[in-house]
Amino acid sequence: MNAQELKTKTPDQLRDQLAALKKEAFNLRFQQATGQLENTARMRAVRKDVARVKTVLNQKAAEAAAK
């Protein structure tokens, strides 16, 4: 997922995606703690995706406040 894809989504869609990513991050942390996690790079990718979604949400909020 890249920032351009995220910018085309509505804030509601972004919040839904953020919730799904946070749930996935929780599940990945749980798998790592129990030793079941095979793809450790996925944890980093999910963290970065969460940051991208939050950044785009904040940009959209700033645009709305400026209008």
C-alpha atoms as a PDB file:
ATOM      1  CA  MET A   1       0.000   0.000   0.000  1.00  0.00           C
ATOM      2  CA  ASN A   2       1.309   3.442  -0.816  1.00  0.00           C
ATOM      3  CA  ALA A   3       0.311   6.953   0.157  1.00  0.00           C
ATOM      4  CA  GLN A   4      -1.263   7.690  -3.238  1.00  0.00           C
ATOM      5  CA  GLU A   5      -3.756   4.851  -2.765  1.00  0.00           C
ATOM      6  CA  LEU A   6      -4.586   6.099   0.703  1.00  0.00           C
ATOM      7  CA  LYS A   7      -5.176   9.687  -0.387  1.00  0.00           C
ATOM      8  CA  THR A   8      -8.044   8.580  -2.629  1.00  0.00           C
ATOM      9  CA  LYS A   9      -9.919   6.984   0.284  1.00  0.00           C
ATOM     10  CA  THR A  10     -12.407   8.707   2.559  1.00  0.00           C
ATOM     11  CA  PRO A  11     -11.599   9.308   6.233  1.00  0.00           C
ATOM     12  CA  ASP A  12     -14.097   6.618   7.244  1.00  0.00           C
ATOM     13  CA  GLN A  13     -12.397   4.065   5.004  1.00  0.00           C
ATOM     14  CA  LEU A  14      -9.028   5.089   6.429  1.00  0.00           C
ATOM     15  CA  ARG A  15     -10.261   4.648  10.003  1.00  0.00           C
ATOM     16  CA  ASP A  16     -11.592   1.194   9.142  1.00  0.00           C
ATOM     17  CA  GLN A  17      -8.271   0.260   7.568  1.00  0.00           C
ATOM     18  CA  LEU A  18      -6.399   1.612  10.590  1.00  0.00           C
ATOM     19  CA  ALA A  19      -8.474  -0.566  12.906  1.00  0.00           C
ATOM     20  CA  ALA A  20      -7.790  -3.623  10.741  1.00  0.00           C
ATOM     21  CA  LEU A  21      -4.061  -2.908  10.695  1.00  0.00           C
ATOM     22  CA  LYS A  22      -3.949  -2.477  14.458  1.00  0.00           C
ATOM     23  CA  LYS A  23      -5.765  -5.773  14.886  1.00  0.00           C
ATOM     24  CA  GLU A  24      -3.279  -7.454  12.557  1.00  0.00           C
ATOM     25  CA  ALA A  25      -0.362  -5.936  14.490  1.00  0.00           C
ATOM     26  CA  PHE A  26      -1.806  -7.302  17.715  1.00  0.00           C
ATOM     27  CA  ASN A  27      -2.146 -10.761  16.205  1.00  0.00           C
ATOM     28  CA  LEU A  28       1.405 -10.640  14.890  1.00  0.00           C
ATOM     29  CA  ARG A  29       2.757  -9.650  18.309  1.00  0.00           C
ATOM     30  CA  PHE A  30       0.811 -12.519  19.846  1.00  0.00           C
ATOM     31  CA  GLN A  31       2.220 -14.977  17.295  1.00  0.00           C
ATOM     32  CA  GLN A  32       5.739 -13.734  17.951  1.00  0.00           C
ATOM     33  CA  ALA A  33       5.336 -14.162  21.702  1.00  0.00           C
ATOM     34  CA  THR A  34       4.174 -17.743  21.255  1.00  0.00           C
ATOM     35  CA  GLY A  35       6.870 -18.550  18.699  1.00  0.00           C
ATOM     36  CA  GLN A  36       4.461 -19.111  15.816  1.00  0.00           C
ATOM     37  CA  LEU A  37       5.455 -16.118  13.694  1.00  0.00           C
ATOM     38  CA  GLU A  38       7.187 -17.141  10.467  1.00  0.00           C
ATOM     39  CA  ASN A  39       7.376 -13.856   8.546  1.00  0.00           C
ATOM     40  CA  THR A  40       8.883 -11.340  10.955  1.00  0.00           C
ATOM     41  CA  ALA A  41       9.170  -8.694   8.222  1.00  0.00           C
ATOM     42  CA  ARG A  42       5.381  -8.445   8.188  1.00  0.00           C
ATOM     43  CA  MET A  43       5.462  -6.774  11.619  1.00  0.00           C
ATOM     44  CA  ARG A  44       7.575  -3.924  10.268  1.00  0.00           C
ATOM     45  CA  ALA A  45       5.407  -3.565   7.171  1.00  0.00           C
ATOM     46  CA  VAL A  46       2.238  -3.354   9.269  1.00  0.00           C
ATOM     47  CA  ARG A  47       3.788  -0.708  11.540  1.00  0.00           C
ATOM     48  CA  LYS A  48       4.738   1.368   8.519  1.00  0.00           C
ATOM     49  CA  ASP A  49       1.262   0.976   7.018  1.00  0.00           C
ATOM     50  CA  VAL A  50      -0.269   2.184  10.304  1.00  0.00           C
ATOM     51  CA  ALA A  51       1.992   5.233  10.179  1.00  0.00           C
ATOM     52  CA  ARG A  52       1.017   5.942   6.558  1.00  0.00           C
ATOM     53  CA  VAL A  53      -2.689   5.747   7.341  1.00  0.00           C
ATOM     54  CA  LYS A  54      -2.307   8.034  10.366  1.00  0.00           C
ATOM     55  CA  THR A  55      -0.308  10.529   8.315  1.00  0.00           C
ATOM     56  CA  VAL A  56      -2.924  10.687   5.565  1.00  0.00           C
ATOM     57  CA  LEU A  57      -5.720  11.027   8.144  1.00  0.00           C
ATOM     58  CA  ASN A  58      -3.906  13.940   9.768  1.00  0.00           C
ATOM     59  CA  GLN A  59      -3.340  15.570   6.382  1.00  0.00           C
ATOM     60  CA  LYS A  60      -7.030  15.269   5.560  1.00  0.00           C
ATOM     61  CA  ALA A  61      -7.975  16.718   8.959  1.00  0.00           C
ATOM     62  CA  ALA A  62      -5.618  19.653   8.428  1.00  0.00           C
ATOM     63  CA  GLU A  63      -7.101  20.313   4.978  1.00  0.00           C
ATOM     64  CA  ALA A  64     -10.613  20.243   6.413  1.00  0.00           C
ATOM     65  CA  ALA A  65      -9.639  22.641   9.201  1.00  0.00           C
ATOM     66  CA  ALA A  66      -8.040  25.046   6.738  1.00  0.00           C
ATOM     67  CA  LYS A  67     -11.242  25.336   4.687  1.00  0.00           C
END
